Amino acid sequence: MLKVALRNAAATESLAADLVTILPVDTSGFLLLLKGELGAGKSTLARAMLQKMGVSGLIPSPTYTLVEPYEVSGGSIYHIDLYRLSGMEELDYLGWDDLRDGLILLEWPERVPQLEQQADLLIQLDYDGEGRTATLQGRSDRGSVMLSQYHA
């Protein structure tokens, strides 16, 4: 487990850039969970990662669409927001198994608690005074190897 202080949005974007540089070469099926209260920085972190991976232009929140797919030179990326879901059945209805071919950046995983068992990396974002704290936890061998390469 690793804790990172995030004083502002720029620090969150810097963390995102650092994470992208240590992602596995093959991100197929890599599940990165983003947990935290409303406004804690989940979308800021996800957008910054997407930009660093080559997504350009407007990056909308998947709050209403639930899934925003992207294609970059490294493959597929899916930005998912589960805030409006209430269980695994609804996730299966969205075609969950079809999304396992790419990197998954998933917000509000607590809406489908079973996903934590499948995760490679869990990032918990919490308020800390006027800033935030990110707690990173490897949940699989791939996630743990990734975190072992992190140097702030």
N, C-alpha and C. Protein backbone atom coordinates (compact mmCIF):
# COMPACT_ATOMS: atom_id res chain seq x y z
N MET A 1 0.85 -1.18 0.00
CA MET A 1 0.00 0.00 0.00
C MET A 1 0.89 1.23 0.00
N LEU A 2 0.42 2.25 -0.70
CA LEU A 2 1.19 3.47 -0.87
C LEU A 2 0.26 4.66 -0.72
N LYS A 3 0.68 5.67 0.04
CA LYS A 3 -0.11 6.90 0.19
C LYS A 3 0.61 8.04 -0.50
N VAL A 4 -0.17 8.84 -1.23
CA VAL A 4 0.38 9.98 -1.96
C VAL A 4 -0.46 11.20 -1.61
N ALA A 5 0.21 12.27 -1.16
CA ALA A 5 -0.48 13.52 -0.87
C ALA A 5 -0.73 14.26 -2.17
N LEU A 6 -1.94 14.76 -2.33
CA LEU A 6 -2.33 15.50 -3.53
C LEU A 6 -2.81 16.88 -3.08
N ARG A 7 -1.92 17.84 -3.15
CA ARG A 7 -2.25 19.18 -2.66
C ARG A 7 -3.26 19.91 -3.53
N ASN A 8 -3.30 19.57 -4.83
CA ASN A 8 -4.17 20.28 -5.76
C ASN A 8 -4.40 19.41 -7.00
N ALA A 9 -5.16 19.96 -7.95
CA ALA A 9 -5.46 19.21 -9.17
C ALA A 9 -4.19 18.88 -9.96
N ALA A 10 -3.21 19.78 -9.93
CA ALA A 10 -1.95 19.52 -10.65
C ALA A 10 -1.24 18.30 -10.07
N ALA A 11 -1.30 18.13 -8.76
CA ALA A 11 -0.68 16.95 -8.13
C ALA A 11 -1.42 15.68 -8.54
N THR A 12 -2.74 15.76 -8.67
CA THR A 12 -3.52 14.61 -9.13
C THR A 12 -3.15 14.27 -10.57
N GLU A 13 -2.99 15.27 -11.40
CA GLU A 13 -2.58 15.04 -12.79
C GLU A 13 -1.18 14.46 -12.87
N SER A 14 -0.31 14.87 -11.98
CA SER A 14 1.04 14.34 -11.93
C SER A 14 1.03 12.86 -11.53
N LEU A 15 0.20 12.52 -10.54
CA LEU A 15 0.05 11.12 -10.16
C LEU A 15 -0.44 10.30 -11.35
N ALA A 16 -1.42 10.83 -12.07
CA ALA A 16 -1.94 10.13 -13.25
C ALA A 16 -0.84 9.86 -14.26
N ALA A 17 -0.02 10.87 -14.52
CA ALA A 17 1.08 10.71 -15.48
C ALA A 17 2.07 9.64 -15.00
N ASP A 18 2.37 9.65 -13.71
CA ASP A 18 3.27 8.64 -13.14
C ASP A 18 2.68 7.24 -13.29
N LEU A 19 1.39 7.10 -13.04
CA LEU A 19 0.75 5.79 -13.14
C LEU A 19 0.78 5.26 -14.57
N VAL A 20 0.56 6.13 -15.53
CA VAL A 20 0.57 5.70 -16.93
C VAL A 20 1.95 5.15 -17.31
N THR A 21 3.00 5.76 -16.80
CA THR A 21 4.35 5.29 -17.16
C THR A 21 4.68 3.92 -16.58
N ILE A 22 3.95 3.49 -15.55
CA ILE A 22 4.25 2.18 -14.95
C ILE A 22 3.16 1.14 -15.20
N LEU A 23 2.17 1.48 -16.03
CA LEU A 23 1.17 0.48 -16.39
C LEU A 23 1.85 -0.70 -17.07
N PRO A 24 1.31 -1.90 -16.94
CA PRO A 24 1.88 -3.03 -17.67
C PRO A 24 1.85 -2.77 -19.18
N VAL A 25 2.76 -3.37 -19.89
CA VAL A 25 2.79 -3.22 -21.35
C VAL A 25 1.48 -3.71 -21.94
N ASP A 26 1.01 -4.85 -21.49
CA ASP A 26 -0.27 -5.39 -21.94
C ASP A 26 -1.32 -5.05 -20.88
N THR A 27 -2.19 -4.10 -21.19
CA THR A 27 -3.21 -3.69 -20.22
C THR A 27 -4.54 -4.38 -20.44
N SER A 28 -4.58 -5.39 -21.29
CA SER A 28 -5.84 -6.12 -21.51
C SER A 28 -6.35 -6.67 -20.19
N GLY A 29 -7.58 -6.31 -19.88
CA GLY A 29 -8.20 -6.80 -18.67
C GLY A 29 -7.71 -6.16 -17.38
N PHE A 30 -6.84 -5.16 -17.49
CA PHE A 30 -6.33 -4.49 -16.28
C PHE A 30 -7.44 -3.63 -15.71
N LEU A 31 -7.83 -3.91 -14.48
CA LEU A 31 -8.94 -3.23 -13.83
C LEU A 31 -8.42 -2.32 -12.73
N LEU A 32 -8.61 -1.01 -12.94
CA LEU A 32 -8.17 0.00 -11.99
C LEU A 32 -9.42 0.64 -11.39
N LEU A 33 -9.61 0.45 -10.09
CA LEU A 33 -10.77 0.98 -9.39
C LEU A 33 -10.46 2.32 -8.76
N LEU A 34 -11.37 3.27 -8.93
CA LEU A 34 -11.24 4.61 -8.36
C LEU A 34 -12.38 4.82 -7.37
N LYS A 35 -12.02 4.88 -6.09
CA LYS A 35 -13.02 5.06 -5.04
C LYS A 35 -12.84 6.43 -4.38
N GLY A 36 -13.93 6.96 -3.86
CA GLY A 36 -13.87 8.22 -3.14
C GLY A 36 -15.20 8.94 -3.19
N GLU A 37 -15.37 9.88 -2.27
CA GLU A 37 -16.59 10.66 -2.22
C GLU A 37 -16.73 11.52 -3.47
N LEU A 38 -17.93 12.09 -3.65
CA LEU A 38 -18.14 13.05 -4.72
C LEU A 38 -17.12 14.17 -4.61
N GLY A 39 -16.49 14.52 -5.72
CA GLY A 39 -15.53 15.62 -5.74
C GLY A 39 -14.15 15.28 -5.23
N ALA A 40 -13.89 14.02 -4.91
CA ALA A 40 -12.58 13.64 -4.36
C ALA A 40 -11.48 13.58 -5.40
N GLY A 41 -11.83 13.58 -6.70
CA GLY A 41 -10.81 13.60 -7.74
C GLY A 41 -10.76 12.38 -8.64
N LYS A 42 -11.76 11.52 -8.56
CA LYS A 42 -11.77 10.31 -9.39
C LYS A 42 -11.74 10.65 -10.88
N SER A 43 -12.64 11.53 -11.29
CA SER A 43 -12.71 11.89 -12.71
C SER A 43 -11.48 12.68 -13.15
N THR A 44 -10.97 13.52 -12.28
CA THR A 44 -9.75 14.28 -12.60
C THR A 44 -8.60 13.32 -12.87
N LEU A 45 -8.45 12.31 -12.03
CA LEU A 45 -7.38 11.32 -12.20
C LEU A 45 -7.59 10.52 -13.48
N ALA A 46 -8.81 10.06 -13.71
CA ALA A 46 -9.10 9.27 -14.92
C ALA A 46 -8.85 10.08 -16.18
N ARG A 47 -9.34 11.32 -16.21
CA ARG A 47 -9.14 12.17 -17.41
C ARG A 47 -7.66 12.42 -17.67
N ALA A 48 -6.91 12.68 -16.62
CA ALA A 48 -5.47 12.93 -16.79
C ALA A 48 -4.76 11.68 -17.30
N MET A 49 -5.17 10.50 -16.83
CA MET A 49 -4.57 9.26 -17.34
C MET A 49 -4.91 9.09 -18.82
N LEU A 50 -6.17 9.33 -19.17
CA LEU A 50 -6.59 9.20 -20.57
C LEU A 50 -5.80 10.14 -21.47
N GLN A 51 -5.63 11.38 -21.04
CA GLN A 51 -4.86 12.34 -21.82
C GLN A 51 -3.42 11.87 -21.99
N LYS A 52 -2.83 11.40 -20.91
CA LYS A 52 -1.44 10.94 -20.96
C LYS A 52 -1.29 9.72 -21.89
N MET A 53 -2.35 8.93 -22.04
CA MET A 53 -2.31 7.75 -22.90
C MET A 53 -2.65 8.08 -24.35
N GLY A 54 -2.92 9.38 -24.63
CA GLY A 54 -3.10 9.77 -26.02
C GLY A 54 -4.50 10.17 -26.42
N VAL A 55 -5.45 10.20 -25.50
CA VAL A 55 -6.80 10.64 -25.84
C VAL A 55 -6.77 12.16 -25.92
N SER A 56 -7.26 12.68 -27.02
CA SER A 56 -7.28 14.14 -27.18
C SER A 56 -8.72 14.63 -27.27
N GLY A 57 -8.87 15.92 -27.14
CA GLY A 57 -10.20 16.51 -27.22
C GLY A 57 -10.95 16.36 -25.92
N LEU A 58 -12.24 16.59 -25.99
CA LEU A 58 -13.12 16.53 -24.83
C LEU A 58 -13.20 15.11 -24.29
N ILE A 59 -13.04 14.97 -22.99
CA ILE A 59 -13.18 13.67 -22.34
C ILE A 59 -14.38 13.79 -21.40
N PRO A 60 -15.55 13.35 -21.87
CA PRO A 60 -16.75 13.51 -21.05
C PRO A 60 -16.78 12.54 -19.87
N SER A 61 -17.51 12.92 -18.86
CA SER A 61 -17.73 12.02 -17.73
C SER A 61 -18.68 10.92 -18.17
N PRO A 62 -18.43 9.68 -17.75
CA PRO A 62 -19.35 8.60 -18.11
C PRO A 62 -20.54 8.48 -17.15
N THR A 63 -20.82 9.53 -16.40
CA THR A 63 -21.91 9.48 -15.43
C THR A 63 -23.23 9.06 -16.07
N TYR A 64 -23.55 9.60 -17.24
CA TYR A 64 -24.83 9.29 -17.89
C TYR A 64 -24.72 8.19 -18.93
N THR A 65 -23.58 8.13 -19.62
CA THR A 65 -23.41 7.09 -20.64
C THR A 65 -22.97 5.77 -20.02
N LEU A 66 -22.45 5.80 -18.81
CA LEU A 66 -21.94 4.68 -18.04
C LEU A 66 -20.59 4.17 -18.54
N VAL A 67 -20.42 4.09 -19.86
CA VAL A 67 -19.15 3.62 -20.43
C VAL A 67 -18.72 4.58 -21.54
N GLU A 68 -17.49 5.07 -21.45
CA GLU A 68 -16.91 5.88 -22.52
C GLU A 68 -15.70 5.10 -23.05
N PRO A 69 -15.79 4.57 -24.28
CA PRO A 69 -14.67 3.80 -24.85
C PRO A 69 -13.70 4.70 -25.61
N TYR A 70 -12.43 4.32 -25.59
CA TYR A 70 -11.38 5.06 -26.30
C TYR A 70 -10.45 4.05 -26.96
N GLU A 71 -9.92 4.44 -28.11
CA GLU A 71 -8.90 3.64 -28.79
C GLU A 71 -7.65 4.49 -28.87
N VAL A 72 -6.54 3.95 -28.38
CA VAL A 72 -5.24 4.60 -28.45
C VAL A 72 -4.25 3.60 -29.02
N SER A 73 -3.04 4.05 -29.29
CA SER A 73 -2.06 3.16 -29.91
C SER A 73 -1.81 1.90 -29.08
N GLY A 74 -1.99 1.99 -27.77
CA GLY A 74 -1.77 0.83 -26.90
C GLY A 74 -2.96 -0.11 -26.80
N GLY A 75 -4.10 0.26 -27.40
CA GLY A 75 -5.28 -0.60 -27.35
C GLY A 75 -6.51 0.13 -26.86
N SER A 76 -7.45 -0.61 -26.34
CA SER A 76 -8.72 -0.07 -25.88
C SER A 76 -8.64 0.36 -24.42
N ILE A 77 -9.37 1.44 -24.13
CA ILE A 77 -9.51 1.91 -22.75
C ILE A 77 -11.00 2.18 -22.54
N TYR A 78 -11.50 1.76 -21.38
CA TYR A 78 -12.89 2.00 -21.05
C TYR A 78 -12.96 2.77 -19.73
N HIS A 79 -13.58 3.95 -19.78
CA HIS A 79 -13.80 4.75 -18.58
C HIS A 79 -15.25 4.50 -18.19
N ILE A 80 -15.45 3.93 -17.01
CA ILE A 80 -16.78 3.48 -16.58
C ILE A 80 -17.15 4.15 -15.26
N ASP A 81 -18.40 4.53 -15.15
CA ASP A 81 -18.93 5.12 -13.92
C ASP A 81 -20.13 4.27 -13.50
N LEU A 82 -20.04 3.66 -12.32
CA LEU A 82 -21.11 2.78 -11.85
C LEU A 82 -22.07 3.45 -10.88
N TYR A 83 -21.98 4.76 -10.73
CA TYR A 83 -22.79 5.45 -9.73
C TYR A 83 -24.28 5.14 -9.86
N ARG A 84 -24.77 4.97 -11.07
CA ARG A 84 -26.20 4.74 -11.31
C ARG A 84 -26.57 3.25 -11.33
N LEU A 85 -25.62 2.37 -11.11
CA LEU A 85 -25.91 0.94 -11.12
C LEU A 85 -26.14 0.43 -9.70
N SER A 86 -26.81 -0.72 -9.63
CA SER A 86 -27.10 -1.25 -8.30
C SER A 86 -26.66 -2.70 -8.12
N GLY A 87 -25.88 -3.23 -9.06
CA GLY A 87 -25.42 -4.60 -8.87
C GLY A 87 -24.79 -5.20 -10.11
N MET A 88 -24.25 -6.39 -9.93
CA MET A 88 -23.53 -7.10 -10.99
C MET A 88 -24.43 -7.42 -12.18
N GLU A 89 -25.71 -7.66 -11.93
CA GLU A 89 -26.61 -7.99 -13.03
C GLU A 89 -26.66 -6.85 -14.05
N GLU A 90 -26.72 -5.62 -13.56
CA GLU A 90 -26.76 -4.47 -14.46
C GLU A 90 -25.44 -4.30 -15.20
N LEU A 91 -24.35 -4.62 -14.54
CA LEU A 91 -23.04 -4.53 -15.18
C LEU A 91 -22.94 -5.58 -16.30
N ASP A 92 -23.43 -6.76 -16.04
CA ASP A 92 -23.45 -7.80 -17.08
C ASP A 92 -24.29 -7.35 -18.27
N TYR A 93 -25.39 -6.65 -18.02
CA TYR A 93 -26.26 -6.14 -19.08
C TYR A 93 -25.51 -5.14 -19.96
N LEU A 94 -24.56 -4.41 -19.38
CA LEU A 94 -23.77 -3.44 -20.15
C LEU A 94 -22.72 -4.11 -21.03
N GLY A 95 -22.55 -5.42 -20.90
CA GLY A 95 -21.55 -6.13 -21.68
C GLY A 95 -20.19 -6.17 -21.01
N TRP A 96 -20.17 -6.32 -19.71
CA TRP A 96 -18.95 -6.31 -18.91
C TRP A 96 -17.87 -7.21 -19.50
N ASP A 97 -18.22 -8.42 -19.88
CA ASP A 97 -17.21 -9.36 -20.39
C ASP A 97 -16.57 -8.86 -21.69
N ASP A 98 -17.30 -8.09 -22.47
CA ASP A 98 -16.76 -7.56 -23.73
C ASP A 98 -15.75 -6.45 -23.50
N LEU A 99 -15.74 -5.88 -22.30
CA LEU A 99 -14.83 -4.78 -21.99
C LEU A 99 -13.49 -5.26 -21.46
N ARG A 100 -13.33 -6.54 -21.26
CA ARG A 100 -12.12 -7.08 -20.66
C ARG A 100 -10.93 -7.14 -21.63
N ASP A 101 -11.13 -6.65 -22.87
CA ASP A 101 -10.03 -6.65 -23.83
C ASP A 101 -9.13 -5.44 -23.68
N GLY A 102 -9.49 -4.51 -22.81
CA GLY A 102 -8.70 -3.29 -22.65
C GLY A 102 -8.50 -2.91 -21.20
N LEU A 103 -7.92 -1.75 -21.02
CA LEU A 103 -7.73 -1.15 -19.69
C LEU A 103 -9.07 -0.58 -19.23
N ILE A 104 -9.44 -0.85 -17.99
CA ILE A 104 -10.70 -0.35 -17.44
C ILE A 104 -10.40 0.59 -16.28
N LEU A 105 -10.83 1.85 -16.43
CA LEU A 105 -10.76 2.84 -15.37
C LEU A 105 -12.18 2.96 -14.83
N LEU A 106 -12.41 2.48 -13.62
CA LEU A 106 -13.76 2.33 -13.13
C LEU A 106 -14.01 3.15 -11.87
N GLU A 107 -14.97 4.08 -11.96
CA GLU A 107 -15.37 4.91 -10.83
C GLU A 107 -16.58 4.30 -10.13
N TRP A 108 -16.67 4.49 -8.83
CA TRP A 108 -17.75 4.01 -7.98
C TRP A 108 -17.84 2.48 -7.94
N PRO A 109 -16.72 1.78 -7.74
CA PRO A 109 -16.77 0.31 -7.71
C PRO A 109 -17.58 -0.24 -6.53
N GLU A 110 -17.78 0.58 -5.50
CA GLU A 110 -18.55 0.10 -4.35
C GLU A 110 -20.00 -0.22 -4.71
N ARG A 111 -20.48 0.23 -5.88
CA ARG A 111 -21.83 -0.09 -6.34
C ARG A 111 -21.93 -1.57 -6.75
N VAL A 112 -20.78 -2.18 -7.07
CA VAL A 112 -20.72 -3.61 -7.41
C VAL A 112 -19.54 -4.18 -6.63
N PRO A 113 -19.76 -4.51 -5.35
CA PRO A 113 -18.66 -4.92 -4.46
C PRO A 113 -17.83 -6.11 -4.96
N GLN A 114 -18.41 -6.98 -5.78
CA GLN A 114 -17.67 -8.14 -6.28
C GLN A 114 -16.47 -7.74 -7.13
N LEU A 115 -16.47 -6.54 -7.67
CA LEU A 115 -15.39 -6.10 -8.55
C LEU A 115 -14.06 -5.95 -7.82
N GLU A 116 -14.10 -5.68 -6.53
CA GLU A 116 -12.84 -5.49 -5.81
C GLU A 116 -11.99 -6.76 -5.84
N GLN A 117 -12.64 -7.91 -5.92
CA GLN A 117 -11.90 -9.18 -6.01
C GLN A 117 -11.22 -9.34 -7.36
N GLN A 118 -11.74 -8.68 -8.39
CA GLN A 118 -11.20 -8.79 -9.74
C GLN A 118 -10.17 -7.70 -10.06
N ALA A 119 -10.05 -6.73 -9.17
CA ALA A 119 -9.23 -5.55 -9.46
C ALA A 119 -7.74 -5.85 -9.45
N ASP A 120 -7.02 -5.08 -10.26
CA ASP A 120 -5.57 -5.11 -10.25
C ASP A 120 -5.02 -4.01 -9.36
N LEU A 121 -5.66 -2.86 -9.38
CA LEU A 121 -5.20 -1.72 -8.59
C LEU A 121 -6.41 -0.97 -8.05
N LEU A 122 -6.35 -0.62 -6.78
CA LEU A 122 -7.41 0.16 -6.14
C LEU A 122 -6.80 1.49 -5.71
N ILE A 123 -7.44 2.58 -6.10
CA ILE A 123 -7.01 3.90 -5.68
C ILE A 123 -8.15 4.54 -4.91
N GLN A 124 -7.91 4.78 -3.63
CA GLN A 124 -8.88 5.42 -2.76
C GLN A 124 -8.48 6.88 -2.62
N LEU A 125 -9.38 7.78 -3.02
CA LEU A 125 -9.13 9.21 -2.93
C LEU A 125 -9.95 9.78 -1.78
N ASP A 126 -9.26 10.46 -0.87
CA ASP A 126 -9.92 11.01 0.31
C ASP A 126 -9.57 12.48 0.46
N TYR A 127 -10.49 13.22 1.05
CA TYR A 127 -10.22 14.61 1.40
C TYR A 127 -9.19 14.65 2.52
N ASP A 128 -8.29 15.62 2.44
CA ASP A 128 -7.27 15.81 3.46
C ASP A 128 -7.04 17.31 3.60
N GLY A 129 -7.81 17.94 4.48
CA GLY A 129 -7.76 19.39 4.58
C GLY A 129 -8.26 19.99 3.28
N GLU A 130 -7.48 20.87 2.70
CA GLU A 130 -7.86 21.47 1.41
C GLU A 130 -7.40 20.64 0.23
N GLY A 131 -6.59 19.62 0.49
CA GLY A 131 -6.10 18.74 -0.58
C GLY A 131 -6.76 17.38 -0.53
N ARG A 132 -6.09 16.42 -1.09
CA ARG A 132 -6.57 15.04 -1.13
C ARG A 132 -5.42 14.11 -0.80
N THR A 133 -5.77 12.88 -0.49
CA THR A 133 -4.80 11.80 -0.32
C THR A 133 -5.23 10.65 -1.21
N ALA A 134 -4.29 10.07 -1.92
CA ALA A 134 -4.56 8.88 -2.72
C ALA A 134 -3.87 7.71 -2.04
N THR A 135 -4.63 6.68 -1.75
CA THR A 135 -4.07 5.44 -1.21
C THR A 135 -4.15 4.40 -2.31
N LEU A 136 -2.99 3.91 -2.74
CA LEU A 136 -2.89 2.96 -3.84
C LEU A 136 -2.61 1.58 -3.27
N GLN A 137 -3.36 0.61 -3.76
CA GLN A 137 -3.23 -0.73 -3.24
C GLN A 137 -3.25 -1.73 -4.40
N GLY A 138 -2.18 -2.51 -4.52
CA GLY A 138 -2.16 -3.58 -5.52
C GLY A 138 -3.10 -4.68 -5.07
N ARG A 139 -3.99 -5.11 -5.97
CA ARG A 139 -4.98 -6.13 -5.62
C ARG A 139 -4.72 -7.43 -6.38
N SER A 140 -3.71 -7.42 -7.26
CA SER A 140 -3.32 -8.61 -8.02
C SER A 140 -1.81 -8.57 -8.16
N ASP A 141 -1.25 -9.61 -8.73
CA ASP A 141 0.19 -9.61 -8.98
C ASP A 141 0.57 -8.46 -9.92
N ARG A 142 -0.22 -8.26 -10.98
CA ARG A 142 0.08 -7.16 -11.92
C ARG A 142 0.02 -5.81 -11.23
N GLY A 143 -0.97 -5.61 -10.40
CA GLY A 143 -1.10 -4.35 -9.68
C GLY A 143 0.02 -4.13 -8.67
N SER A 144 0.42 -5.20 -7.99
CA SER A 144 1.51 -5.09 -7.02
C SER A 144 2.85 -4.80 -7.69
N VAL A 145 3.09 -5.45 -8.83
CA VAL A 145 4.32 -5.18 -9.59
C VAL A 145 4.32 -3.73 -10.06
N MET A 146 3.18 -3.28 -10.54
CA MET A 146 3.08 -1.89 -10.99
C MET A 146 3.43 -0.93 -9.86
N LEU A 147 2.84 -1.14 -8.69
CA LEU A 147 3.11 -0.25 -7.56
C LEU A 147 4.58 -0.31 -7.10
N SER A 148 5.20 -1.46 -7.23
CA SER A 148 6.60 -1.57 -6.82
C SER A 148 7.51 -0.71 -7.69
N GLN A 149 7.02 -0.29 -8.87
CA GLN A 149 7.79 0.54 -9.78
C GLN A 149 7.52 2.03 -9.59
N TYR A 150 6.60 2.36 -8.70
CA TYR A 150 6.21 3.75 -8.51
C TYR A 150 7.26 4.50 -7.68
N HIS A 151 7.70 5.63 -8.20
CA HIS A 151 8.63 6.50 -7.49
C HIS A 151 8.13 7.94 -7.63
N ALA A 152 7.67 8.49 -6.53
CA ALA A 152 7.13 9.86 -6.57
C ALA A 152 8.23 10.87 -6.72
